[in-house]
Amino acid sequence: MTAIGAILVLLVLGSIGFVVIQLVPVYLENMRIVQVMNQVKADLEGQNATVTDIRKALGRRVNIEDLRDVNHRKDFVVSRSGGGYKVQIEYERRKAYFGNIYLLAEFDHTVEIIK
């Protein structure tokens, strides 16, 4: 392998590494959001919870997990479903990559809390 070939390989590996470094925190935050939703579901399932109870539980869990970019009042949508309530969050995160090129990750999660 020539020096130019080695430089090109390092350039490709470096750009892939930079993508990984940018996206790991985004996916860790997503894992914590899913964990918050599953914990609220586990706590309130079968407890005849109201929308207010669900929102309070979400607020507590968001504070415990220190999710600063998530607003439990605006980002979580609580709606009635067949036997209880559906809690949904749909959001995206953008991370700068190079110049005006961004990395975009979109997430959509739903849990159903049965009365």
Protein backbone atom coordinates (compact mmCIF):
# COMPACT_ATOMS: atom_id res chain seq x y z
CA MET A 1 0.00 0.00 0.00
CA THR A 2 1.31 3.39 -0.90
CA ALA A 3 1.30 6.44 1.32
CA ILE A 4 -1.62 7.93 -0.63
CA GLY A 5 -3.62 4.72 -0.19
CA ALA A 6 -2.92 4.71 3.54
CA ILE A 7 -4.00 8.34 3.82
CA LEU A 8 -7.25 7.60 1.98
CA VAL A 9 -7.99 4.62 4.24
CA LEU A 10 -7.31 6.75 7.34
CA LEU A 11 -9.54 9.49 5.94
CA VAL A 12 -12.45 7.07 5.43
CA LEU A 13 -11.97 5.49 8.86
CA GLY A 14 -11.72 8.94 10.45
CA SER A 15 -14.96 10.13 8.89
CA ILE A 16 -16.76 6.95 10.00
CA GLY A 17 -15.33 7.40 13.49
CA PHE A 18 -16.55 10.99 13.58
CA VAL A 19 -20.07 9.85 12.64
CA VAL A 20 -20.00 7.30 15.46
CA ILE A 21 -18.77 9.89 17.96
CA GLN A 22 -21.59 12.26 16.94
CA LEU A 23 -24.39 9.68 17.01
CA VAL A 24 -23.58 7.66 20.15
CA PRO A 25 -24.98 10.33 22.53
CA VAL A 26 -28.13 10.61 20.39
CA TYR A 27 -28.81 6.88 20.62
CA LEU A 28 -27.98 6.79 24.35
CA GLU A 29 -30.57 9.54 24.89
CA ASN A 30 -33.07 7.53 22.84
CA MET A 31 -32.44 4.46 24.99
CA ARG A 32 -33.15 6.51 28.12
CA ILE A 33 -36.39 7.87 26.61
CA VAL A 34 -37.56 4.33 25.80
CA GLN A 35 -36.62 3.29 29.33
CA VAL A 36 -38.66 6.19 30.77
CA MET A 37 -41.71 5.15 28.76
CA ASN A 38 -41.38 1.49 29.74
CA GLN A 39 -40.95 2.37 33.43
CA VAL A 40 -44.05 4.57 33.39
CA LYS A 41 -45.96 1.76 31.72
CA ALA A 42 -44.75 -0.76 34.31
CA ASP A 43 -45.63 1.58 37.20
CA LEU A 44 -49.11 2.56 36.00
CA GLU A 45 -50.36 -0.50 34.12
CA GLY A 46 -53.51 -1.81 35.80
CA GLN A 47 -53.64 1.13 38.25
CA ASN A 48 -56.56 2.91 36.54
CA ALA A 49 -54.26 5.88 35.85
CA THR A 50 -55.49 9.18 34.47
CA VAL A 51 -53.80 11.47 31.96
CA THR A 52 -52.61 13.62 34.86
CA ASP A 53 -51.05 10.61 36.59
CA ILE A 54 -49.28 9.62 33.38
CA ARG A 55 -47.94 13.14 32.81
CA LYS A 56 -46.70 13.39 36.42
CA ALA A 57 -44.96 10.03 36.15
CA LEU A 58 -43.36 11.05 32.85
CA GLY A 59 -42.17 14.32 34.40
CA ARG A 60 -40.60 12.53 37.36
CA ARG A 61 -38.86 9.97 35.14
CA VAL A 62 -37.59 12.63 32.72
CA ASN A 63 -36.11 14.54 35.67
CA ILE A 64 -34.56 11.40 37.16
CA GLU A 65 -32.95 10.47 33.82
CA ASP A 66 -31.81 14.10 33.35
CA LEU A 67 -33.24 14.36 29.84
CA ARG A 68 -32.72 18.08 29.26
CA ASP A 69 -33.74 18.12 25.60
CA VAL A 70 -37.09 16.46 26.30
CA ASN A 71 -40.10 18.41 27.57
CA HIS A 72 -42.53 15.95 29.15
CA ARG A 73 -45.47 18.33 28.63
CA LYS A 74 -44.91 19.05 24.94
CA ASP A 75 -42.99 16.10 23.49
CA PHE A 76 -45.05 13.22 24.89
CA VAL A 77 -48.53 12.81 23.41
CA VAL A 78 -51.00 11.01 25.66
CA SER A 79 -54.19 9.89 23.94
CA ARG A 80 -57.02 7.52 24.69
CA SER A 81 -56.88 4.06 23.22
CA GLY A 82 -59.08 0.98 23.51
CA GLY A 83 -58.40 -0.12 27.07
CA GLY A 84 -56.37 2.76 28.43
CA TYR A 85 -53.97 5.37 27.10
CA LYS A 86 -51.35 5.50 24.41
CA VAL A 87 -48.16 7.43 25.15
CA GLN A 88 -46.17 8.45 22.07
CA ILE A 89 -43.06 10.48 21.41
CA GLU A 90 -41.86 11.40 17.94
CA TYR A 91 -38.73 13.49 17.59
CA GLU A 92 -35.56 14.00 15.61
CA ARG A 93 -32.02 14.99 16.46
CA ARG A 94 -29.61 16.73 14.11
CA LYS A 95 -25.87 16.78 14.56
CA ALA A 96 -23.50 18.87 12.47
CA TYR A 97 -21.21 16.74 10.34
CA PHE A 98 -19.29 18.95 7.97
CA GLY A 99 -20.15 22.45 6.80
CA ASN A 100 -23.87 22.50 6.06
CA ILE A 101 -24.17 18.71 6.07
CA TYR A 102 -26.01 17.23 9.05
CA LEU A 103 -26.58 13.77 10.48
CA LEU A 104 -30.29 13.21 11.14
CA ALA A 105 -31.78 10.58 13.43
CA GLU A 106 -35.57 10.22 13.66
CA PHE A 107 -37.31 8.33 16.45
CA ASP A 108 -40.91 7.30 17.08
CA HIS A 109 -41.89 5.26 20.14
CA THR A 110 -45.27 4.28 21.54
CA VAL A 111 -46.41 2.39 24.64
CA GLU A 112 -49.92 1.55 25.68
CA ILE A 113 -50.91 1.78 29.33
CA ILE A 114 -53.90 -0.43 30.01
CA LYS A 115 -56.26 0.58 32.80
